[in-house]
C-alpha atoms as a PDB file:
ATOM      1  CA  MET A   1      92.287  88.462 113.752  1.00  0.00           C
ATOM      2  CA  ALA A   2      95.468  90.317 114.379  1.00  0.00           C
ATOM      3  CA  ASP A   3      98.577  91.358 112.341  1.00  0.00           C
ATOM      4  CA  LEU A   4     102.214  90.423 112.979  1.00  0.00           C
ATOM      5  CA  LYS A   5     102.422  92.975 115.844  1.00  0.00           C
ATOM      6  CA  GLY A   6      99.300  91.638 117.522  1.00  0.00           C
ATOM      7  CA  ILE A   7      97.263  94.702 116.531  1.00  0.00           C
ATOM      8  CA  PRO A   8      93.630  93.845 115.583  1.00  0.00           C
ATOM      9  CA  VAL A   9      93.105  93.926 111.775  1.00  0.00           C
ATOM     10  CA  VAL A  10      90.011  95.880 110.841  1.00  0.00           C
ATOM     11  CA  SER A  11      87.917  94.498 108.039  1.00  0.00           C
ATOM     12  CA  ALA A  12      87.267  97.007 105.290  1.00  0.00           C
ATOM     13  CA  ARG A  13      87.151  96.834 101.504  1.00  0.00           C
ATOM     14  CA  SER A  14      89.306  98.888  99.351  1.00  0.00           C
ATOM     15  CA  GLY A  15      88.049 102.507  99.210  1.00  0.00           C
ATOM     16  CA  GLU A  16      85.921 102.068 102.316  1.00  0.00           C
ATOM     17  CA  LYS A  17      86.247 104.099 105.539  1.00  0.00           C
ATOM     18  CA  TYR A  18      87.074 102.193 108.687  1.00  0.00           C
ATOM     19  CA  LEU A  19      87.954 102.897 112.427  1.00  0.00           C
ATOM     20  CA  THR A  20      91.497 102.032 113.291  1.00  0.00           C
ATOM     21  CA  PRO A  21      92.471 100.412 116.579  1.00  0.00           C
ATOM     22  CA  GLN A  22      93.856 103.767 117.688  1.00  0.00           C
ATOM     23  CA  GLY A  23      90.364 105.364 117.336  1.00  0.00           C
ATOM     24  CA  PHE A  24      90.596 107.463 114.184  1.00  0.00           C
ATOM     25  CA  THR A  25      89.031 107.090 110.803  1.00  0.00           C
ATOM     26  CA  ALA A  26      91.016 105.968 107.675  1.00  0.00           C
ATOM     27  CA  ILE A  27      90.272 104.981 104.058  1.00  0.00           C
ATOM     28  CA  ARG A  28      91.460 101.603 102.934  1.00  0.00           C
ATOM     29  CA  ASP A  29      93.982 101.861 100.123  1.00  0.00           C
ATOM     30  CA  GLY A  30      93.866 105.720 100.246  1.00  0.00           C
ATOM     31  CA  ILE A  31      91.305 106.437  97.455  1.00  0.00           C
ATOM     32  CA  LYS A  32      87.562 106.560  98.134  1.00  0.00           C
ATOM     33  CA  ALA A  33      85.439 103.982  96.419  1.00  0.00           C
ATOM     34  CA  SER A  34      83.304 106.754  94.776  1.00  0.00           C
ATOM     35  CA  ALA A  35      86.281 107.861  92.832  1.00  0.00           C
ATOM     36  CA  HIS A  36      86.037 106.715  89.231  1.00  0.00           C
ATOM     37  CA  GLY A  37      89.323 105.060  87.988  1.00  0.00           C
ATOM     38  CA  GLU A  38      90.385 105.268  84.396  1.00  0.00           C
ATOM     39  CA  ALA A  39      90.756 102.105  82.356  1.00  0.00           C
ATOM     40  CA  VAL A  40      94.324 100.742  82.135  1.00  0.00           C
ATOM     41  CA  VAL A  41      95.568 101.700  78.639  1.00  0.00           C
ATOM     42  CA  ALA A  42      98.925  99.939  78.596  1.00  0.00           C
ATOM     43  CA  GLY A  43      97.582  96.421  78.030  1.00  0.00           C
ATOM     44  CA  ALA A  44      98.768  93.241  79.673  1.00  0.00           C
ATOM     45  CA  LYS A  45     101.816  93.218  81.808  1.00  0.00           C
ATOM     46  CA  PRO A  46     104.904  92.151  79.784  1.00  0.00           C
ATOM     47  CA  SER A  47     107.103  89.270  80.625  1.00  0.00           C
ATOM     48  CA  TRP A  48     109.871  91.339  82.045  1.00  0.00           C
ATOM     49  CA  LEU A  49     107.596  92.336  85.028  1.00  0.00           C
ATOM     50  CA  ARG A  50     107.543  88.737  86.354  1.00  0.00           C
ATOM     51  CA  ALA A  51     109.589  88.298  89.483  1.00  0.00           C
ATOM     52  CA  PRO A  52     111.109  84.985  90.716  1.00  0.00           C
ATOM     53  CA  LEU A  53     109.642  83.465  93.803  1.00  0.00           C
ATOM     54  CA  PRO A  54     111.577  84.385  96.923  1.00  0.00           C
ATOM     55  CA  ALA A  55     113.968  81.639  98.145  1.00  0.00           C
ATOM     56  CA  GLY A  56     117.366  81.139  99.550  1.00  0.00           C
ATOM     57  CA  THR A  57     118.908  80.074 102.847  1.00  0.00           C
ATOM     58  CA  ARG A  58     119.189  83.572 104.310  1.00  0.00           C
ATOM     59  CA  PHE A  59     115.720  84.571 103.224  1.00  0.00           C
ATOM     60  CA  GLU A  60     114.309  81.500 104.977  1.00  0.00           C
ATOM     61  CA  ALA A  61     116.187  82.296 108.049  1.00  0.00           C
ATOM     62  CA  VAL A  62     115.007  85.993 108.002  1.00  0.00           C
ATOM     63  CA  ARG A  63     111.430  84.852 107.350  1.00  0.00           C
ATOM     64  CA  SER A  64     111.593  82.496 110.285  1.00  0.00           C
ATOM     65  CA  VAL A  65     112.738  85.218 112.595  1.00  0.00           C
ATOM     66  CA  VAL A  66     110.029  87.578 111.352  1.00  0.00           C
ATOM     67  CA  ARG A  67     107.338  84.963 112.024  1.00  0.00           C
ATOM     68  CA  GLU A  68     108.703  83.871 115.457  1.00  0.00           C
ATOM     69  CA  HIS A  69     109.044  87.452 116.710  1.00  0.00           C
ATOM     70  CA  ARG A  70     105.887  88.820 114.935  1.00  0.00           C
ATOM     71  CA  LEU A  71     107.865  91.487 113.122  1.00  0.00           C
ATOM     72  CA  ALA A  72     106.559  93.730 110.354  1.00  0.00           C
ATOM     73  CA  THR A  73     108.409  94.978 107.349  1.00  0.00           C
ATOM     74  CA  VAL A  74     107.380  96.889 104.215  1.00  0.00           C
ATOM     75  CA  CYS A  75     108.955  94.204 102.196  1.00  0.00           C
ATOM     76  CA  GLU A  76     106.163  91.767 103.114  1.00  0.00           C
ATOM     77  CA  GLU A  77     103.244  94.083 103.756  1.00  0.00           C
ATOM     78  CA  ALA A  78     103.811  95.883 100.373  1.00  0.00           C
ATOM     79  CA  LYS A  79     104.330  92.481  98.597  1.00  0.00           C
ATOM     80  CA  CYS A  80     107.585  93.703  97.160  1.00  0.00           C
ATOM     81  CA  PRO A  81     108.697  91.484  94.180  1.00  0.00           C
ATOM     82  CA  ASN A  82     112.318  91.912  95.321  1.00  0.00           C
ATOM     83  CA  ILE A  83     111.904  90.510  98.882  1.00  0.00           C
ATOM     84  CA  GLY A  84     113.957  87.407  98.290  1.00  0.00           C
ATOM     85  CA  GLU A  85     116.867  89.104  96.759  1.00  0.00           C
ATOM     86  CA  CYS A  86     117.072  91.890  99.449  1.00  0.00           C
ATOM     87  CA  TRP A  87     116.568  89.624 102.551  1.00  0.00           C
ATOM     88  CA  ASN A  88     119.211  87.292 101.185  1.00  0.00           C
ATOM     89  CA  ALA A  89     121.513  90.254 101.101  1.00  0.00           C
ATOM     90  CA  GLY A  90     120.658  91.315 104.649  1.00  0.00           C
ATOM     91  CA  THR A  91     118.694  94.359 103.669  1.00  0.00           C
ATOM     92  CA  ALA A  92     115.144  95.214 104.636  1.00  0.00           C
ATOM     93  CA  THR A  93     112.699  98.052 104.845  1.00  0.00           C
ATOM     94  CA  ILE A  94     110.775  99.003 107.975  1.00  0.00           C
ATOM     95  CA  MET A  95     107.788 101.471 108.048  1.00  0.00           C
ATOM     96  CA  LEU A  96     107.570 103.777 110.990  1.00  0.00           C
ATOM     97  CA  MET A  97     104.703 105.785 112.489  1.00  0.00           C
ATOM     98  CA  GLY A  98     101.847 103.490 111.674  1.00  0.00           C
ATOM     99  CA  ALA A  99     100.122 102.488 108.458  1.00  0.00           C
ATOM    100  CA  VAL A 100      97.765 105.461 107.926  1.00  0.00           C
ATOM    101  CA  CYS A 101      99.032 108.492 105.850  1.00  0.00           C
ATOM    102  CA  THR A 102      97.672 112.121 106.178  1.00  0.00           C
ATOM    103  CA  ARG A 103      97.987 112.357 102.321  1.00  0.00           C
ATOM    104  CA  ALA A 104      96.187 110.605  99.448  1.00  0.00           C
ATOM    105  CA  CYS A 105      98.617 110.398  96.456  1.00  0.00           C
ATOM    106  CA  ARG A 106      96.967 108.777  93.410  1.00  0.00           C
ATOM    107  CA  PHE A 107      99.723 106.220  92.790  1.00  0.00           C
ATOM    108  CA  CYS A 108      99.941 104.896  96.360  1.00  0.00           C
ATOM    109  CA  ALA A 109      97.670 102.367  98.101  1.00  0.00           C
ATOM    110  CA  VAL A 110      98.585 103.211 101.720  1.00  0.00           C
ATOM    111  CA  ASP A 111      95.518 103.984 103.858  1.00  0.00           C
ATOM    112  CA  THR A 112      94.576 107.643 104.349  1.00  0.00           C
ATOM    113  CA  GLY A 113      93.392 109.372 107.498  1.00  0.00           C
ATOM    114  CA  ASN A 114      94.363 111.681 110.276  1.00  0.00           C
ATOM    115  CA  PRO A 115      96.203 109.913 113.129  1.00  0.00           C
ATOM    116  CA  ARG A 116      95.690 113.069 115.335  1.00  0.00           C
ATOM    117  CA  GLY A 117      99.145 112.922 116.741  1.00  0.00           C
ATOM    118  CA  TRP A 118      99.246 109.248 117.649  1.00  0.00           C
ATOM    119  CA  LEU A 119     102.725 107.640 117.893  1.00  0.00           C
ATOM    120  CA  ASP A 120     104.000 104.451 119.351  1.00  0.00           C
ATOM    121  CA  ALA A 121     106.450 105.427 122.080  1.00  0.00           C
ATOM    122  CA  GLU A 122     108.007 101.956 122.110  1.00  0.00           C
ATOM    123  CA  GLU A 123     108.710 101.890 118.399  1.00  0.00           C
ATOM    124  CA  PRO A 124     112.416 103.052 118.490  1.00  0.00           C
ATOM    125  CA  ALA A 125     113.237 100.198 120.890  1.00  0.00           C
ATOM    126  CA  ASN A 126     111.087  97.776 118.912  1.00  0.00           C
ATOM    127  CA  VAL A 127     112.729  98.767 115.523  1.00  0.00           C
ATOM    128  CA  ALA A 128     116.200  98.465 117.031  1.00  0.00           C
ATOM    129  CA  GLN A 129     115.270  94.912 118.274  1.00  0.00           C
ATOM    130  CA  THR A 130     113.938  94.033 114.731  1.00  0.00           C
ATOM    131  CA  VAL A 131     117.186  95.097 113.109  1.00  0.00           C
ATOM    132  CA  GLU A 132     119.157  93.121 115.709  1.00  0.00           C
ATOM    133  CA  LEU A 133     117.073  89.951 115.417  1.00  0.00           C
ATOM    134  CA  MET A 134     117.132  90.077 111.643  1.00  0.00           C
ATOM    135  CA  ALA A 135     120.927  90.709 111.786  1.00  0.00           C
ATOM    136  CA  LEU A 136     120.559  93.326 109.024  1.00  0.00           C
ATOM    137  CA  ARG A 137     123.520  94.859 107.456  1.00  0.00           C
ATOM    138  CA  TYR A 138     121.542  97.679 105.877  1.00  0.00           C
ATOM    139  CA  VAL A 139     118.021  98.901 106.853  1.00  0.00           C
ATOM    140  CA  VAL A 140     115.809 101.385 105.142  1.00  0.00           C
ATOM    141  CA  LEU A 141     113.559 103.270 107.475  1.00  0.00           C
ATOM    142  CA  THR A 142     110.554 104.803 105.668  1.00  0.00           C
ATOM    143  CA  SER A 143     107.110 106.036 106.866  1.00  0.00           C
ATOM    144  CA  VAL A 144     103.759 107.519 105.907  1.00  0.00           C
ATOM    145  CA  ASN A 145     103.408 111.259 105.767  1.00  0.00           C
ATOM    146  CA  ARG A 146     102.465 112.660 109.162  1.00  0.00           C
ATOM    147  CA  ASP A 147     101.373 116.239 108.627  1.00  0.00           C
ATOM    148  CA  ASP A 148      99.482 115.971 111.898  1.00  0.00           C
ATOM    149  CA  LEU A 149     102.778 116.049 113.882  1.00  0.00           C
ATOM    150  CA  ALA A 150     104.508 119.446 114.326  1.00  0.00           C
ATOM    151  CA  ASP A 151     107.815 118.215 112.922  1.00  0.00           C
ATOM    152  CA  GLY A 152     106.338 115.657 110.510  1.00  0.00           C
ATOM    153  CA  GLY A 153     107.802 112.849 112.615  1.00  0.00           C
ATOM    154  CA  ALA A 154     111.427 114.002 112.281  1.00  0.00           C
ATOM    155  CA  THR A 155     112.177 113.573 116.002  1.00  0.00           C
ATOM    156  CA  HIS A 156     110.649 110.046 115.953  1.00  0.00           C
ATOM    157  CA  TYR A 157     112.829 109.116 112.924  1.00  0.00           C
ATOM    158  CA  ALA A 158     115.945 110.260 114.797  1.00  0.00           C
ATOM    159  CA  ALA A 159     115.063 108.380 117.821  1.00  0.00           C
ATOM    160  CA  CYS A 160     114.723 105.140 115.738  1.00  0.00           C
ATOM    161  CA  VAL A 161     118.029 105.663 114.051  1.00  0.00           C
ATOM    162  CA  ARG A 162     119.884 106.289 117.393  1.00  0.00           C
ATOM    163  CA  ALA A 163     118.254 103.165 118.898  1.00  0.00           C
ATOM    164  CA  ILE A 164     119.441 101.033 115.956  1.00  0.00           C
ATOM    165  CA  LYS A 165     123.000 102.459 116.171  1.00  0.00           C
ATOM    166  CA  ALA A 166     123.089 101.756 119.857  1.00  0.00           C
ATOM    167  CA  VAL A 167     122.592  98.035 119.357  1.00  0.00           C
ATOM    168  CA  ARG A 168     124.197  97.589 115.847  1.00  0.00           C
ATOM    169  CA  PRO A 169     126.532 100.476 115.219  1.00  0.00           C
ATOM    170  CA  ALA A 170     127.808  98.732 111.992  1.00  0.00           C
ATOM    171  CA  THR A 171     124.395  98.581 110.456  1.00  0.00           C
ATOM    172  CA  ALA A 172     124.049 101.289 107.732  1.00  0.00           C
ATOM    173  CA  VAL A 173     120.707 103.177 107.935  1.00  0.00           C
ATOM    174  CA  GLU A 174     118.920 104.872 105.143  1.00  0.00           C
ATOM    175  CA  ALA A 175     116.041 107.254 106.012  1.00  0.00           C
ATOM    176  CA  LEU A 176     113.395 107.419 103.249  1.00  0.00           C
ATOM    177  CA  THR A 177     111.418 110.293 104.672  1.00  0.00           C
ATOM    178  CA  PRO A 178     108.285 112.344 104.064  1.00  0.00           C
ATOM    179  CA  ASP A 179     108.951 115.868 102.770  1.00  0.00           C
ATOM    180  CA  PHE A 180     108.265 117.378 106.261  1.00  0.00           C
ATOM    181  CA  GLN A 181     106.360 120.151 104.390  1.00  0.00           C
ATOM    182  CA  GLY A 182     109.720 121.505 103.388  1.00  0.00           C
ATOM    183  CA  SER A 183     111.099 122.087 106.849  1.00  0.00           C
ATOM    184  CA  ALA A 184     114.869 122.346 106.828  1.00  0.00           C
ATOM    185  CA  ASP A 185     114.901 121.998 110.682  1.00  0.00           C
ATOM    186  CA  ALA A 186     113.178 118.537 110.414  1.00  0.00           C
ATOM    187  CA  VAL A 187     115.578 117.490 107.619  1.00  0.00           C
ATOM    188  CA  ALA A 188     118.478 118.445 109.994  1.00  0.00           C
ATOM    189  CA  THR A 189     117.041 116.444 112.764  1.00  0.00           C
ATOM    190  CA  VAL A 190     117.086 113.198 110.652  1.00  0.00           C
ATOM    191  CA  VAL A 191     120.471 113.934 109.064  1.00  0.00           C
ATOM    192  CA  ASP A 192     122.058 114.666 112.471  1.00  0.00           C
ATOM    193  CA  SER A 193     120.832 111.339 113.850  1.00  0.00           C
ATOM    194  CA  GLY A 194     123.621 109.419 112.081  1.00  0.00           C
ATOM    195  CA  VAL A 195     121.998 108.167 108.939  1.00  0.00           C
ATOM    196  CA  GLU A 196     124.324 107.051 106.025  1.00  0.00           C
ATOM    197  CA  VAL A 197     121.693 107.929 103.432  1.00  0.00           C
ATOM    198  CA  PHE A 198     118.926 110.465 103.400  1.00  0.00           C
ATOM    199  CA  ALA A 199     116.241 109.931 100.797  1.00  0.00           C
ATOM    200  CA  GLN A 200     112.881 111.610  99.660  1.00  0.00           C
ATOM    201  CA  ASN A 201     111.259 110.517  96.538  1.00  0.00           C
ATOM    202  CA  ILE A 202     110.339 113.026  93.846  1.00  0.00           C
ATOM    203  CA  GLU A 203     108.180 110.238  92.364  1.00  0.00           C
ATOM    204  CA  THR A 204     107.355 111.852  88.906  1.00  0.00           C
ATOM    205  CA  VAL A 205     108.344 114.684  86.562  1.00  0.00           C
ATOM    206  CA  GLU A 206     107.279 118.244  87.316  1.00  0.00           C
ATOM    207  CA  ARG A 207     104.353 118.384  84.968  1.00  0.00           C
ATOM    208  CA  LEU A 208     102.747 115.265  86.475  1.00  0.00           C
ATOM    209  CA  THR A 209     103.432 116.099  90.102  1.00  0.00           C
ATOM    210  CA  HIS A 210      99.707 116.986  90.386  1.00  0.00           C
ATOM    211  CA  PRO A 211      97.626 114.978  90.157  1.00  0.00           C
ATOM    212  CA  VAL A 212     100.179 112.025  90.814  1.00  0.00           C
ATOM    213  CA  ARG A 213     100.995 113.380  94.191  1.00  0.00           C
ATOM    214  CA  ASP A 214      98.886 114.825  96.965  1.00  0.00           C
ATOM    215  CA  PRO A 215      98.394 118.597  96.817  1.00  0.00           C
ATOM    216  CA  ARG A 216     100.534 119.099  99.847  1.00  0.00           C
ATOM    217  CA  ALA A 217     103.489 117.568  98.103  1.00  0.00           C
ATOM    218  CA  GLY A 218     105.452 119.436  95.492  1.00  0.00           C
ATOM    219  CA  TYR A 219     108.246 119.065  93.008  1.00  0.00           C
ATOM    220  CA  ALA A 220     110.142 122.157  94.215  1.00  0.00           C
ATOM    221  CA  GLN A 221     109.388 121.163  97.807  1.00  0.00           C
ATOM    222  CA  THR A 222     111.073 117.743  97.363  1.00  0.00           C
ATOM    223  CA  LEU A 223     114.056 119.350  95.617  1.00  0.00           C
ATOM    224  CA  GLY A 224     114.359 121.719  98.494  1.00  0.00           C
ATOM    225  CA  VAL A 225     114.350 118.835 101.110  1.00  0.00           C
ATOM    226  CA  LEU A 226     116.972 116.984  99.161  1.00  0.00           C
ATOM    227  CA  SER A 227     119.182 120.074  98.786  1.00  0.00           C
ATOM    228  CA  ALA A 228     118.783 120.847 102.571  1.00  0.00           C
ATOM    229  CA  ALA A 229     120.007 117.268 103.492  1.00  0.00           C
ATOM    230  CA  LYS A 230     123.194 117.607 101.390  1.00  0.00           C
ATOM    231  CA  ALA A 231     123.785 121.152 102.766  1.00  0.00           C
ATOM    232  CA  ARG A 232     123.444 119.995 106.353  1.00  0.00           C
ATOM    233  CA  ARG A 233     126.094 117.228 105.908  1.00  0.00           C
ATOM    234  CA  ALA A 234     127.970 117.011 102.719  1.00  0.00           C
ATOM    235  CA  ALA A 235     129.120 113.434 103.589  1.00  0.00           C
ATOM    236  CA  VAL A 236     125.631 112.032 103.694  1.00  0.00           C
ATOM    237  CA  LEU A 237     124.447 110.274 100.567  1.00  0.00           C
ATOM    238  CA  VAL A 238     121.335 111.832  99.219  1.00  0.00           C
ATOM    239  CA  LYS A 239     118.854 109.736  97.209  1.00  0.00           C
ATOM    240  CA  SER A 240     115.608 110.009  95.301  1.00  0.00           C
ATOM    241  CA  SER A 241     113.351 107.907  93.078  1.00  0.00           C
ATOM    242  CA  LEU A 242     111.290 108.259  90.030  1.00  0.00           C
ATOM    243  CA  MET A 243     108.395 106.108  88.633  1.00  0.00           C
ATOM    244  CA  LEU A 244     108.073 105.742  84.880  1.00  0.00           C
ATOM    245  CA  GLY A 245     104.968 104.819  82.790  1.00  0.00           C
ATOM    246  CA  LEU A 246     102.664 107.565  84.004  1.00  0.00           C
ATOM    247  CA  GLY A 247     102.828 109.567  80.760  1.00  0.00           C
ATOM    248  CA  GLU A 248     106.136 111.450  81.141  1.00  0.00           C
ATOM    249  CA  THR A 249     108.216 112.265  78.105  1.00  0.00           C
ATOM    250  CA  ALA A 250     111.880 111.546  77.500  1.00  0.00           C
ATOM    251  CA  ALA A 251     112.741 115.318  77.734  1.00  0.00           C
ATOM    252  CA  GLU A 252     110.822 115.593  81.064  1.00  0.00           C
ATOM    253  CA  ILE A 253     112.692 112.574  82.504  1.00  0.00           C
ATOM    254  CA  GLU A 254     115.978 114.117  81.488  1.00  0.00           C
ATOM    255  CA  GLN A 255     115.088 117.425  83.119  1.00  0.00           C
ATOM    256  CA  CYS A 256     113.989 115.834  86.298  1.00  0.00           C
ATOM    257  CA  LEU A 257     117.212 114.039  86.478  1.00  0.00           C
ATOM    258  CA  ARG A 258     119.130 117.322  86.035  1.00  0.00           C
ATOM    259  CA  ASP A 259     117.074 118.989  88.599  1.00  0.00           C
ATOM    260  CA  LEU A 260     117.773 116.120  91.169  1.00  0.00           C
ATOM    261  CA  ARG A 261     121.506 116.356  90.384  1.00  0.00           C
ATOM    262  CA  GLY A 262     121.370 120.167  90.820  1.00  0.00           C
ATOM    263  CA  ALA A 263     119.856 119.685  94.254  1.00  0.00           C
ATOM    264  CA  GLY A 264     122.853 117.457  95.380  1.00  0.00           C
ATOM    265  CA  VAL A 265     121.295 114.077  94.837  1.00  0.00           C
ATOM    266  CA  ASP A 266     123.919 111.263  94.626  1.00  0.00           C
ATOM    267  CA  ILE A 267     121.862 108.175  93.929  1.00  0.00           C
ATOM    268  CA  VAL A 268     118.673 107.896  91.882  1.00  0.00           C
ATOM    269  CA  THR A 269     116.416 104.887  91.240  1.00  0.00           C
ATOM    270  CA  LEU A 270     114.135 104.399  88.185  1.00  0.00           C
ATOM    271  CA  GLY A 271     111.288 101.864  88.247  1.00  0.00           C
ATOM    272  CA  GLN A 272     108.002 101.000  86.504  1.00  0.00           C
ATOM    273  CA  TYR A 273     104.768 102.328  87.951  1.00  0.00           C
ATOM    274  CA  LEU A 274     102.201  99.677  88.604  1.00  0.00           C
ATOM    275  CA  ARG A 275      98.606 100.506  89.428  1.00  0.00           C
ATOM    276  CA  PRO A 276      97.503  99.160  92.877  1.00  0.00           C
ATOM    277  CA  THR A 277      93.727  99.389  92.361  1.00  0.00           C
ATOM    278  CA  VAL A 278      91.318 100.545  89.615  1.00  0.00           C
ATOM    279  CA  ARG A 279      90.832 103.908  91.562  1.00  0.00           C
ATOM    280  CA  HIS A 280      94.452 104.764  91.196  1.00  0.00           C
ATOM    281  CA  LEU A 281      96.136 106.352  88.184  1.00  0.00           C
ATOM    282  CA  PRO A 282      96.447 103.995  85.100  1.00  0.00           C
ATOM    283  CA  VAL A 283      99.633 102.798  83.632  1.00  0.00           C
ATOM    284  CA  ARG A 284     100.183 104.742  80.429  1.00  0.00           C
ATOM    285  CA  ARG A 285     103.164 102.667  79.197  1.00  0.00           C
ATOM    286  CA  TYR A 286     105.317  99.695  80.217  1.00  0.00           C
ATOM    287  CA  VAL A 287     108.876 100.868  79.878  1.00  0.00           C
ATOM    288  CA  PRO A 288     111.138  98.180  78.306  1.00  0.00           C
ATOM    289  CA  PRO A 289     114.348  97.077  80.131  1.00  0.00           C
ATOM    290  CA  ALA A 290     116.609  98.479  77.286  1.00  0.00           C
ATOM    291  CA  GLU A 291     115.115 101.966  77.839  1.00  0.00           C
ATOM    292  CA  PHE A 292     115.778 101.746  81.675  1.00  0.00           C
ATOM    293  CA  GLN A 293     119.428 100.841  80.773  1.00  0.00           C
ATOM    294  CA  ALA A 294     119.702 103.926  78.483  1.00  0.00           C
ATOM    295  CA  LEU A 295     118.329 106.176  81.116  1.00  0.00           C
ATOM    296  CA  ARG A 296     120.738 104.793  83.580  1.00  0.00           C
ATOM    297  CA  GLN A 297     123.699 105.730  81.316  1.00  0.00           C
ATOM    298  CA  LEU A 298     122.160 109.261  80.872  1.00  0.00           C
ATOM    299  CA  ALA A 299     122.056 109.669  84.763  1.00  0.00           C
ATOM    300  CA  LEU A 300     125.637 108.460  85.151  1.00  0.00           C
ATOM    301  CA  ALA A 301     126.684 110.979  82.531  1.00  0.00           C
ATOM    302  CA  GLN A 302     124.933 113.708  84.483  1.00  0.00           C
ATOM    303  CA  GLY A 303     127.154 112.927  87.482  1.00  0.00           C
ATOM    304  CA  PHE A 304     125.129 110.625  89.707  1.00  0.00           C
ATOM    305  CA  LEU A 305     127.210 108.265  91.758  1.00  0.00           C
ATOM    306  CA  GLU A 306     124.746 105.521  90.668  1.00  0.00           C
ATOM    307  CA  CYS A 307     121.399 105.077  89.054  1.00  0.00           C
ATOM    308  CA  VAL A 308     119.682 101.722  89.799  1.00  0.00           C
ATOM    309  CA  ALA A 309     117.167 101.373  86.894  1.00  0.00           C
ATOM    310  CA  GLY A 310     114.933  98.583  85.852  1.00  0.00           C
ATOM    311  CA  PRO A 311     111.222  97.505  85.546  1.00  0.00           C
ATOM    312  CA  LEU A 312     111.028  95.924  89.056  1.00  0.00           C
ATOM    313  CA  VAL A 313     113.257  98.504  90.759  1.00  0.00           C
ATOM    314  CA  ARG A 314     111.711 100.182  93.803  1.00  0.00           C
ATOM    315  CA  SER A 315     113.369 102.996  95.835  1.00  0.00           C
ATOM    316  CA  SER A 316     114.830 100.586  98.428  1.00  0.00           C
ATOM    317  CA  TYR A 317     115.979  97.874  95.857  1.00  0.00           C
ATOM    318  CA  ARG A 318     119.364  96.425  96.952  1.00  0.00           C
ATOM    319  CA  ALA A 319     120.063  99.669  98.638  1.00  0.00           C
ATOM    320  CA  GLU A 320     123.326  98.364 100.043  1.00  0.00           C
ATOM    321  CA  ARG A 321     124.743  97.881  96.562  1.00  0.00           C
ATOM    322  CA  ALA A 322     124.054 101.423  95.286  1.00  0.00           C
ATOM    323  CA  LEU A 323     127.688 102.402  95.128  1.00  0.00           C
ATOM    324  CA  GLU A 324     129.001  99.387  93.354  1.00  0.00           C
ATOM    325  CA  ARG A 325     128.396 101.028  89.928  1.00  0.00           C
ATOM    326  CA  ASN A 326     126.844  97.820  88.531  1.00  0.00           C
ATOM    327  CA  ASN A 327     123.072  98.745  88.566  1.00  0.00           C
ATOM    328  CA  ALA A 328     122.703  96.738  91.719  1.00  0.00           C
ATOM    329  CA  GLY A 329     123.563  93.522  89.843  1.00  0.00           C
ATOM    330  CA  LEU A 330     120.727  93.938  87.234  1.00  0.00           C
ATOM    331  CA  TYR A 331     123.082  93.311  84.290  1.00  0.00           C
END
């Protein structure tokens, strides 16, 4: 069996180690099976977390292209609930540098391992072809953390951006990057490639950064990366994202928003954390839509250009509409 790109799919249960087609070991879903997960304490999912089935003329056309050309997007592989809405709008998210992350954040189900420097040299050209075939107006490039690479993959990001711009100069590109271990040089490499938006997710409030995020990640480190992007090119839009429902307080959310704005962040997204497996962190609370709306108003009052907030919002949700000042149409 192979995936959309023709790479053999390795059979492994969640939490088990397996050998990747590139020859290194990884852990399925990022957290070992021996780790004891906590019980979910928030109860059954509320009705507002139900997403409509994806449909629409443009969605069907994009899906047909994806199938025909064996393309891969985060939208499908992460089973994003907003895939129909985004694809119909000509927006999609593509993951770079493989599917194995060097970190093991306790909210994330991406496989964990050490790729030992492996990269697909053909990826920039293939990504550009994907964007061209899908006729995307806006593309989000994201990736796993690649601490095994000297620059964290910044040069590879830049090559992908330049390849896209060469074939579709009008397509806006958002780079949702790793933290590059805080390297300002790596941030500059990505910003200088021609992106319209530079993003790095802070994920949670300062008190919960550990254990929510891998020990190699950091609250101050992410703020430094975001600040470096804005300092490198003032015209670039800087963006970050915060998950809610992990046990944070209202005061902590407000402080996090202040910290992000102080780092030069222009756009922030707020969404509900959902537990991917029983070994990941439990959901402490399901945040109601009215509370998301109140937090959006708080963020706008702090000076953000836009705050896209809602239970099903993800960091790339309707990214092309972020400056329309309408909560990306969620009203």
